[in-house]
Amino acid sequence: MISSILLAAAATVPATPAWNPTVGIIISISSLVMVLLSTRIEKPLVGPKFPILPISIPTFVAAMAFGHIVGVGIVLGLTNIGRL
């Protein structure tokens, strides 16, 4: 039963690009944009402070995680339309 579900899911997976510097640059830029946008949230200084940026460590980690999610979405979208 489980193997048939996995086979059905495997048939619907789109083609994904191999890692290259363009993919890394896209994900890095999206993560940087999310860190910059995180300074605009209501309470970016809740928790231990980050020594360089005007945000806290939990805000930094959350912004980087969300930046990676957005970056992967951009990479998959560009791959789907044939630009990457």
PDB file of N, CA and C in Angstrom:
ATOM      1  N   MET A   1       0.825  -1.186   0.000  1.00  0.00           N
ATOM      2  CA  MET A   1       0.000   0.000   0.000  1.00  0.00           C
ATOM      3  C   MET A   1       0.870   1.251   0.000  1.00  0.00           C
ATOM      4  N   ILE A   2       1.844   1.289   0.892  1.00  0.00           N
ATOM      5  CA  ILE A   2       2.687   2.481   0.976  1.00  0.00           C
ATOM      6  C   ILE A   2       3.534   2.622  -0.281  1.00  0.00           C
ATOM      7  N   SER A   3       4.032   1.528  -0.826  1.00  0.00           N
ATOM      8  CA  SER A   3       4.864   1.616  -2.022  1.00  0.00           C
ATOM      9  C   SER A   3       4.071   2.154  -3.209  1.00  0.00           C
ATOM     10  N   SER A   4       2.783   1.811  -3.319  1.00  0.00           N
ATOM     11  CA  SER A   4       1.978   2.340  -4.418  1.00  0.00           C
ATOM     12  C   SER A   4       1.744   3.836  -4.249  1.00  0.00           C
ATOM     13  N   ILE A   5       1.624   4.315  -3.014  1.00  0.00           N
ATOM     14  CA  ILE A   5       1.463   5.748  -2.765  1.00  0.00           C
ATOM     15  C   ILE A   5       2.754   6.484  -3.127  1.00  0.00           C
ATOM     16  N   LEU A   6       3.899   5.907  -2.774  1.00  0.00           N
ATOM     17  CA  LEU A   6       5.173   6.531  -3.116  1.00  0.00           C
ATOM     18  C   LEU A   6       5.400   6.551  -4.613  1.00  0.00           C
ATOM     19  N   LEU A   7       5.009   5.502  -5.299  1.00  0.00           N
ATOM     20  CA  LEU A   7       5.149   5.473  -6.756  1.00  0.00           C
ATOM     21  C   LEU A   7       4.246   6.512  -7.411  1.00  0.00           C
ATOM     22  N   ALA A   8       3.055   6.701  -6.875  1.00  0.00           N
ATOM     23  CA  ALA A   8       2.159   7.715  -7.424  1.00  0.00           C
ATOM     24  C   ALA A   8       2.715   9.107  -7.184  1.00  0.00           C
ATOM     25  N   ALA A   9       3.321   9.333  -6.024  1.00  0.00           N
ATOM     26  CA  ALA A   9       3.904  10.647  -5.725  1.00  0.00           C
ATOM     27  C   ALA A   9       5.156  10.882  -6.556  1.00  0.00           C
ATOM     28  N   ALA A  10       5.934   9.841  -6.808  1.00  0.00           N
ATOM     29  CA  ALA A  10       7.163   9.990  -7.586  1.00  0.00           C
ATOM     30  C   ALA A  10       6.874  10.365  -9.029  1.00  0.00           C
ATOM     31  N   ALA A  11       5.731   9.989  -9.538  1.00  0.00           N
ATOM     32  CA  ALA A  11       5.386  10.309 -10.913  1.00  0.00           C
ATOM     33  C   ALA A  11       5.032  11.782 -11.086  1.00  0.00           C
ATOM     34  N   THR A  12       4.682  12.465  -9.986  1.00  0.00           N
ATOM     35  CA  THR A  12       4.253  13.852 -10.092  1.00  0.00           C
ATOM     36  C   THR A  12       5.332  14.850  -9.701  1.00  0.00           C
ATOM     37  N   VAL A  13       6.521  14.384  -9.347  1.00  0.00           N
ATOM     38  CA  VAL A  13       7.592  15.295  -8.931  1.00  0.00           C
ATOM     39  C   VAL A  13       8.188  15.974 -10.166  1.00  0.00           C
ATOM     40  N   PRO A  14       8.223  17.318 -10.174  1.00  0.00           N
ATOM     41  CA  PRO A  14       8.793  18.009 -11.336  1.00  0.00           C
ATOM     42  C   PRO A  14      10.315  17.890 -11.366  1.00  0.00           C
ATOM     43  N   ALA A  15      10.879  18.182 -12.505  1.00  0.00           N
ATOM     44  CA  ALA A  15      12.339  18.153 -12.639  1.00  0.00           C
ATOM     45  C   ALA A  15      12.947  19.268 -11.799  1.00  0.00           C
ATOM     46  N   THR A  16      13.996  18.960 -11.084  1.00  0.00           N
ATOM     47  CA  THR A  16      14.678  19.963 -10.274  1.00  0.00           C
ATOM     48  C   THR A  16      16.101  20.126 -10.795  1.00  0.00           C
ATOM     49  N   PRO A  17      16.631  21.352 -10.720  1.00  0.00           N
ATOM     50  CA  PRO A  17      17.978  21.565 -11.251  1.00  0.00           C
ATOM     51  C   PRO A  17      19.048  21.033 -10.303  1.00  0.00           C
ATOM     52  N   ALA A  18      20.163  20.677 -10.861  1.00  0.00           N
ATOM     53  CA  ALA A  18      21.320  20.325 -10.038  1.00  0.00           C
ATOM     54  C   ALA A  18      21.867  21.617  -9.436  1.00  0.00           C
ATOM     55  N   TRP A  19      22.537  21.497  -8.297  1.00  0.00           N
ATOM     56  CA  TRP A  19      23.058  22.697  -7.671  1.00  0.00           C
ATOM     57  C   TRP A  19      24.147  23.297  -8.548  1.00  0.00           C
ATOM     58  N   ASN A  20      24.100  24.614  -8.684  1.00  0.00           N
ATOM     59  CA  ASN A  20      25.153  25.353  -9.367  1.00  0.00           C
ATOM     60  C   ASN A  20      25.253  26.724  -8.703  1.00  0.00           C
ATOM     61  N   PRO A  21      26.230  27.540  -9.029  1.00  0.00           N
ATOM     62  CA  PRO A  21      26.369  28.831  -8.364  1.00  0.00           C
ATOM     63  C   PRO A  21      25.149  29.739  -8.526  1.00  0.00           C
ATOM     64  N   THR A  22      24.423  29.632  -9.618  1.00  0.00           N
ATOM     65  CA  THR A  22      23.233  30.459  -9.793  1.00  0.00           C
ATOM     66  C   THR A  22      22.181  30.137  -8.737  1.00  0.00           C
ATOM     67  N   VAL A  23      21.997  28.867  -8.446  1.00  0.00           N
ATOM     68  CA  VAL A  23      21.049  28.458  -7.408  1.00  0.00           C
ATOM     69  C   VAL A  23      21.491  29.005  -6.053  1.00  0.00           C
ATOM     70  N   GLY A  24      22.775  28.906  -5.756  1.00  0.00           N
ATOM     71  CA  GLY A  24      23.296  29.429  -4.497  1.00  0.00           C
ATOM     72  C   GLY A  24      23.124  30.932  -4.378  1.00  0.00           C
ATOM     73  N   ILE A  25      23.332  31.652  -5.467  1.00  0.00           N
ATOM     74  CA  ILE A  25      23.178  33.110  -5.446  1.00  0.00           C
ATOM     75  C   ILE A  25      21.724  33.485  -5.223  1.00  0.00           C
ATOM     76  N   ILE A  26      20.806  32.788  -5.869  1.00  0.00           N
ATOM     77  CA  ILE A  26      19.382  33.086  -5.703  1.00  0.00           C
ATOM     78  C   ILE A  26      18.952  32.869  -4.256  1.00  0.00           C
ATOM     79  N   ILE A  27      19.354  31.762  -3.668  1.00  0.00           N
ATOM     80  CA  ILE A  27      18.969  31.470  -2.285  1.00  0.00           C
ATOM     81  C   ILE A  27      19.646  32.448  -1.324  1.00  0.00           C
ATOM     82  N   SER A  28      20.893  32.813  -1.580  1.00  0.00           N
ATOM     83  CA  SER A  28      21.586  33.773  -0.716  1.00  0.00           C
ATOM     84  C   SER A  28      20.935  35.146  -0.764  1.00  0.00           C
ATOM     85  N   ILE A  29      20.574  35.594  -1.950  1.00  0.00           N
ATOM     86  CA  ILE A  29      19.944  36.917  -2.078  1.00  0.00           C
ATOM     87  C   ILE A  29      18.570  36.918  -1.418  1.00  0.00           C
ATOM     88  N   SER A  30      17.811  35.853  -1.598  1.00  0.00           N
ATOM     89  CA  SER A  30      16.494  35.818  -0.957  1.00  0.00           C
ATOM     90  C   SER A  30      16.618  35.779   0.562  1.00  0.00           C
ATOM     91  N   SER A  31      17.627  35.086   1.083  1.00  0.00           N
ATOM     92  CA  SER A  31      17.845  35.063   2.533  1.00  0.00           C
ATOM     93  C   SER A  31      18.262  36.434   3.039  1.00  0.00           C
ATOM     94  N   LEU A  32      19.127  37.115   2.294  1.00  0.00           N
ATOM     95  CA  LEU A  32      19.542  38.463   2.690  1.00  0.00           C
ATOM     96  C   LEU A  32      18.366  39.436   2.686  1.00  0.00           C
ATOM     97  N   VAL A  33      17.508  39.334   1.688  1.00  0.00           N
ATOM     98  CA  VAL A  33      16.322  40.200   1.631  1.00  0.00           C
ATOM     99  C   VAL A  33      15.413  39.941   2.825  1.00  0.00           C
ATOM    100  N   MET A  34      15.234  38.688   3.192  1.00  0.00           N
ATOM    101  CA  MET A  34      14.384  38.373   4.347  1.00  0.00           C
ATOM    102  C   MET A  34      14.999  38.887   5.645  1.00  0.00           C
ATOM    103  N   VAL A  35      16.323  38.842   5.782  1.00  0.00           N
ATOM    104  CA  VAL A  35      16.961  39.396   6.980  1.00  0.00           C
ATOM    105  C   VAL A  35      16.757  40.910   7.029  1.00  0.00           C
ATOM    106  N   LEU A  36      16.884  41.572   5.885  1.00  0.00           N
ATOM    107  CA  LEU A  36      16.660  43.013   5.854  1.00  0.00           C
ATOM    108  C   LEU A  36      15.200  43.363   6.152  1.00  0.00           C
ATOM    109  N   LEU A  37      14.274  42.568   5.648  1.00  0.00           N
ATOM    110  CA  LEU A  37      12.862  42.814   5.943  1.00  0.00           C
ATOM    111  C   LEU A  37      12.515  42.517   7.396  1.00  0.00           C
ATOM    112  N   SER A  38      13.271  41.652   8.039  1.00  0.00           N
ATOM    113  CA  SER A  38      12.974  41.300   9.426  1.00  0.00           C
ATOM    114  C   SER A  38      13.264  42.448  10.382  1.00  0.00           C
ATOM    115  N   THR A  39      14.024  43.440   9.958  1.00  0.00           N
ATOM    116  CA  THR A  39      14.240  44.605  10.826  1.00  0.00           C
ATOM    117  C   THR A  39      12.987  45.458  10.913  1.00  0.00           C
ATOM    118  N   ARG A  40      12.018  45.235  10.051  1.00  0.00           N
ATOM    119  CA  ARG A  40      10.783  46.019  10.027  1.00  0.00           C
ATOM    120  C   ARG A  40       9.655  45.375  10.823  1.00  0.00           C
ATOM    121  N   ILE A  41       9.877  44.232  11.462  1.00  0.00           N
ATOM    122  CA  ILE A  41       8.811  43.612  12.233  1.00  0.00           C
ATOM    123  C   ILE A  41       8.606  44.380  13.528  1.00  0.00           C
ATOM    124  N   GLU A  42       7.512  44.109  14.221  1.00  0.00           N
ATOM    125  CA  GLU A  42       7.131  44.908  15.386  1.00  0.00           C
ATOM    126  C   GLU A  42       8.133  44.798  16.534  1.00  0.00           C
ATOM    127  N   LYS A  43       8.571  43.604  16.852  1.00  0.00           N
ATOM    128  CA  LYS A  43       9.499  43.418  17.974  1.00  0.00           C
ATOM    129  C   LYS A  43      10.674  42.552  17.547  1.00  0.00           C
ATOM    130  N   PRO A  44      11.638  43.108  16.785  1.00  0.00           N
ATOM    131  CA  PRO A  44      12.763  42.282  16.316  1.00  0.00           C
ATOM    132  C   PRO A  44      13.822  42.026  17.378  1.00  0.00           C
ATOM    133  N   LEU A  45      13.703  42.635  18.552  1.00  0.00           N
ATOM    134  CA  LEU A  45      14.749  42.500  19.569  1.00  0.00           C
ATOM    135  C   LEU A  45      14.321  41.654  20.761  1.00  0.00           C
ATOM    136  N   VAL A  46      13.350  40.768  20.587  1.00  0.00           N
ATOM    137  CA  VAL A  46      12.931  39.878  21.666  1.00  0.00           C
ATOM    138  C   VAL A  46      13.854  38.670  21.663  1.00  0.00           C
ATOM    139  N   GLY A  47      14.505  38.421  22.785  1.00  0.00           N
ATOM    140  CA  GLY A  47      15.435  37.304  22.881  1.00  0.00           C
ATOM    141  C   GLY A  47      16.868  37.808  22.906  1.00  0.00           C
ATOM    142  N   PRO A  48      17.835  36.872  22.848  1.00  0.00           N
ATOM    143  CA  PRO A  48      19.246  37.274  22.858  1.00  0.00           C
ATOM    144  C   PRO A  48      19.577  38.123  21.632  1.00  0.00           C
ATOM    145  N   LYS A  49      20.364  39.150  21.856  1.00  0.00           N
ATOM    146  CA  LYS A  49      20.680  40.087  20.777  1.00  0.00           C
ATOM    147  C   LYS A  49      21.765  39.531  19.858  1.00  0.00           C
ATOM    148  N   PHE A  50      21.643  39.846  18.576  1.00  0.00           N
ATOM    149  CA  PHE A  50      22.652  39.493  17.597  1.00  0.00           C
ATOM    150  C   PHE A  50      23.731  40.562  17.659  1.00  0.00           C
ATOM    151  N   PRO A  51      25.016  40.193  17.682  1.00  0.00           N
ATOM    152  CA  PRO A  51      26.062  41.192  17.919  1.00  0.00           C
ATOM    153  C   PRO A  51      26.245  42.216  16.798  1.00  0.00           C
ATOM    154  N   ILE A  52      25.889  41.904  15.557  1.00  0.00           N
ATOM    155  CA  ILE A  52      26.168  42.815  14.452  1.00  0.00           C
ATOM    156  C   ILE A  52      24.911  43.520  13.962  1.00  0.00           C
ATOM    157  N   LEU A  53      23.857  42.761  13.725  1.00  0.00           N
ATOM    158  CA  LEU A  53      22.627  43.313  13.160  1.00  0.00           C
ATOM    159  C   LEU A  53      21.688  43.806  14.250  1.00  0.00           C
ATOM    160  N   PRO A  54      20.782  44.714  13.910  1.00  0.00           N
ATOM    161  CA  PRO A  54      19.825  45.212  14.915  1.00  0.00           C
ATOM    162  C   PRO A  54      18.619  44.281  15.086  1.00  0.00           C
ATOM    163  N   ILE A  55      18.856  42.979  15.133  1.00  0.00           N
ATOM    164  CA  ILE A  55      17.796  41.998  15.346  1.00  0.00           C
ATOM    165  C   ILE A  55      18.285  40.973  16.360  1.00  0.00           C
ATOM    166  N   SER A  56      17.364  40.172  16.868  1.00  0.00           N
ATOM    167  CA  SER A  56      17.745  39.134  17.818  1.00  0.00           C
ATOM    168  C   SER A  56      18.132  37.852  17.065  1.00  0.00           C
ATOM    169  N   ILE A  57      18.737  36.933  17.785  1.00  0.00           N
ATOM    170  CA  ILE A  57      19.163  35.673  17.179  1.00  0.00           C
ATOM    171  C   ILE A  57      17.965  34.855  16.678  1.00  0.00           C
ATOM    172  N   PRO A  58      16.864  34.743  17.456  1.00  0.00           N
ATOM    173  CA  PRO A  58      15.712  34.005  16.914  1.00  0.00           C
ATOM    174  C   PRO A  58      15.126  34.652  15.652  1.00  0.00           C
ATOM    175  N   THR A  59      15.126  35.973  15.595  1.00  0.00           N
ATOM    176  CA  THR A  59      14.643  36.656  14.394  1.00  0.00           C
ATOM    177  C   THR A  59      15.548  36.364  13.218  1.00  0.00           C
ATOM    178  N   PHE A  60      16.853  36.342  13.439  1.00  0.00           N
ATOM    179  CA  PHE A  60      17.807  36.044  12.378  1.00  0.00           C
ATOM    180  C   PHE A  60      17.617  34.627  11.846  1.00  0.00           C
ATOM    181  N   VAL A  61      17.480  33.667  12.752  1.00  0.00           N
ATOM    182  CA  VAL A  61      17.309  32.269  12.339  1.00  0.00           C
ATOM    183  C   VAL A  61      16.005  32.104  11.559  1.00  0.00           C
ATOM    184  N   ALA A  62      14.937  32.730  12.038  1.00  0.00           N
ATOM    185  CA  ALA A  62      13.649  32.634  11.352  1.00  0.00           C
ATOM    186  C   ALA A  62      13.706  33.292   9.974  1.00  0.00           C
ATOM    187  N   ALA A  63      14.375  34.437   9.878  1.00  0.00           N
ATOM    188  CA  ALA A  63      14.491  35.122   8.587  1.00  0.00           C
ATOM    189  C   ALA A  63      15.315  34.302   7.602  1.00  0.00           C
ATOM    190  N   MET A  64      16.390  33.683   8.073  1.00  0.00           N
ATOM    191  CA  MET A  64      17.198  32.851   7.190  1.00  0.00           C
ATOM    192  C   MET A  64      16.414  31.616   6.727  1.00  0.00           C
ATOM    193  N   ALA A  65      15.660  31.008   7.630  1.00  0.00           N
ATOM    194  CA  ALA A  65      14.856  29.838   7.254  1.00  0.00           C
ATOM    195  C   ALA A  65      13.802  30.233   6.217  1.00  0.00           C
ATOM    196  N   PHE A  66      13.118  31.347   6.458  1.00  0.00           N
ATOM    197  CA  PHE A  66      12.102  31.792   5.505  1.00  0.00           C
ATOM    198  C   PHE A  66      12.736  32.205   4.182  1.00  0.00           C
ATOM    199  N   GLY A  67      13.933  32.786   4.235  1.00  0.00           N
ATOM    200  CA  GLY A  67      14.643  33.139   3.011  1.00  0.00           C
ATOM    201  C   GLY A  67      15.006  31.919   2.183  1.00  0.00           C
ATOM    202  N   HIS A  68      15.374  30.833   2.845  1.00  0.00           N
ATOM    203  CA  HIS A  68      15.664  29.595   2.115  1.00  0.00           C
ATOM    204  C   HIS A  68      14.395  29.027   1.481  1.00  0.00           C
ATOM    205  N   ILE A  69      13.279  29.099   2.198  1.00  0.00           N
ATOM    206  CA  ILE A  69      12.019  28.605   1.639  1.00  0.00           C
ATOM    207  C   ILE A  69      11.626  29.425   0.411  1.00  0.00           C
ATOM    208  N   VAL A  70      11.730  30.746   0.514  1.00  0.00           N
ATOM    209  CA  VAL A  70      11.409  31.617  -0.615  1.00  0.00           C
ATOM    210  C   VAL A  70      12.378  31.358  -1.767  1.00  0.00           C
ATOM    211  N   GLY A  71      13.666  31.204  -1.466  1.00  0.00           N
ATOM    212  CA  GLY A  71      14.664  30.948  -2.494  1.00  0.00           C
ATOM    213  C   GLY A  71      14.424  29.649  -3.235  1.00  0.00           C
ATOM    214  N   VAL A  72      14.056  28.606  -2.516  1.00  0.00           N
ATOM    215  CA  VAL A  72      13.752  27.331  -3.163  1.00  0.00           C
ATOM    216  C   VAL A  72      12.525  27.481  -4.057  1.00  0.00           C
ATOM    217  N   GLY A  73      11.540  28.247  -3.604  1.00  0.00           N
ATOM    218  CA  GLY A  73      10.367  28.506  -4.435  1.00  0.00           C
ATOM    219  C   GLY A  73      10.729  29.245  -5.714  1.00  0.00           C
ATOM    220  N   ILE A  74      11.627  30.222  -5.598  1.00  0.00           N
ATOM    221  CA  ILE A  74      12.076  30.958  -6.783  1.00  0.00           C
ATOM    222  C   ILE A  74      12.824  30.034  -7.740  1.00  0.00           C
ATOM    223  N   VAL A  75      13.707  29.212  -7.211  1.00  0.00           N
ATOM    224  CA  VAL A  75      14.479  28.295  -8.058  1.00  0.00           C
ATOM    225  C   VAL A  75      13.550  27.310  -8.765  1.00  0.00           C
ATOM    226  N   LEU A  76      12.604  26.743  -8.033  1.00  0.00           N
ATOM    227  CA  LEU A  76      11.676  25.797  -8.656  1.00  0.00           C
ATOM    228  C   LEU A  76      10.788  26.488  -9.681  1.00  0.00           C
ATOM    229  N   GLY A  77      10.365  27.720  -9.384  1.00  0.00           N
ATOM    230  CA  GLY A  77       9.554  28.466 -10.344  1.00  0.00           C
ATOM    231  C   GLY A  77      10.319  28.792 -11.614  1.00  0.00           C
ATOM    232  N   LEU A  78      11.553  29.241 -11.460  1.00  0.00           N
ATOM    233  CA  LEU A  78      12.370  29.539 -12.632  1.00  0.00           C
ATOM    234  C   LEU A  78      12.671  28.282 -13.441  1.00  0.00           C
ATOM    235  N   THR A  79      12.863  27.166 -12.762  1.00  0.00           N
ATOM    236  CA  THR A  79      13.099  25.913 -13.458  1.00  0.00           C
ATOM    237  C   THR A  79      11.841  25.486 -14.218  1.00  0.00           C
ATOM    238  N   ASN A  80      10.701  25.693 -13.608  1.00  0.00           N
ATOM    239  CA  ASN A  80       9.448  25.279 -14.231  1.00  0.00           C
ATOM    240  C   ASN A  80       9.159  26.064 -15.507  1.00  0.00           C
ATOM    241  N   ILE A  81       9.531  27.352 -15.544  1.00  0.00           N
ATOM    242  CA  ILE A  81       9.273  28.134 -16.748  1.00  0.00           C
ATOM    243  C   ILE A  81      10.435  28.072 -17.733  1.00  0.00           C
ATOM    244  N   GLY A  82      11.491  27.344 -17.368  1.00  0.00           N
ATOM    245  CA  GLY A  82      12.600  27.115 -18.290  1.00  0.00           C
ATOM    246  C   GLY A  82      13.674  28.198 -18.281  1.00  0.00           C
ATOM    247  N   ARG A  83      13.726  29.015 -17.269  1.00  0.00           N
ATOM    248  CA  ARG A  83      14.723  30.084 -17.198  1.00  0.00           C
ATOM    249  C   ARG A  83      15.990  29.699 -16.449  1.00  0.00           C
ATOM    250  N   LEU A  84      15.975  28.591 -15.799  1.00  0.00           N
ATOM    251  CA  LEU A  84      17.136  28.194 -14.994  1.00  0.00           C
ATOM    252  C   LEU A  84      17.608  26.807 -15.393  1.00  0.00           C
TER     253      LEU A  84
END
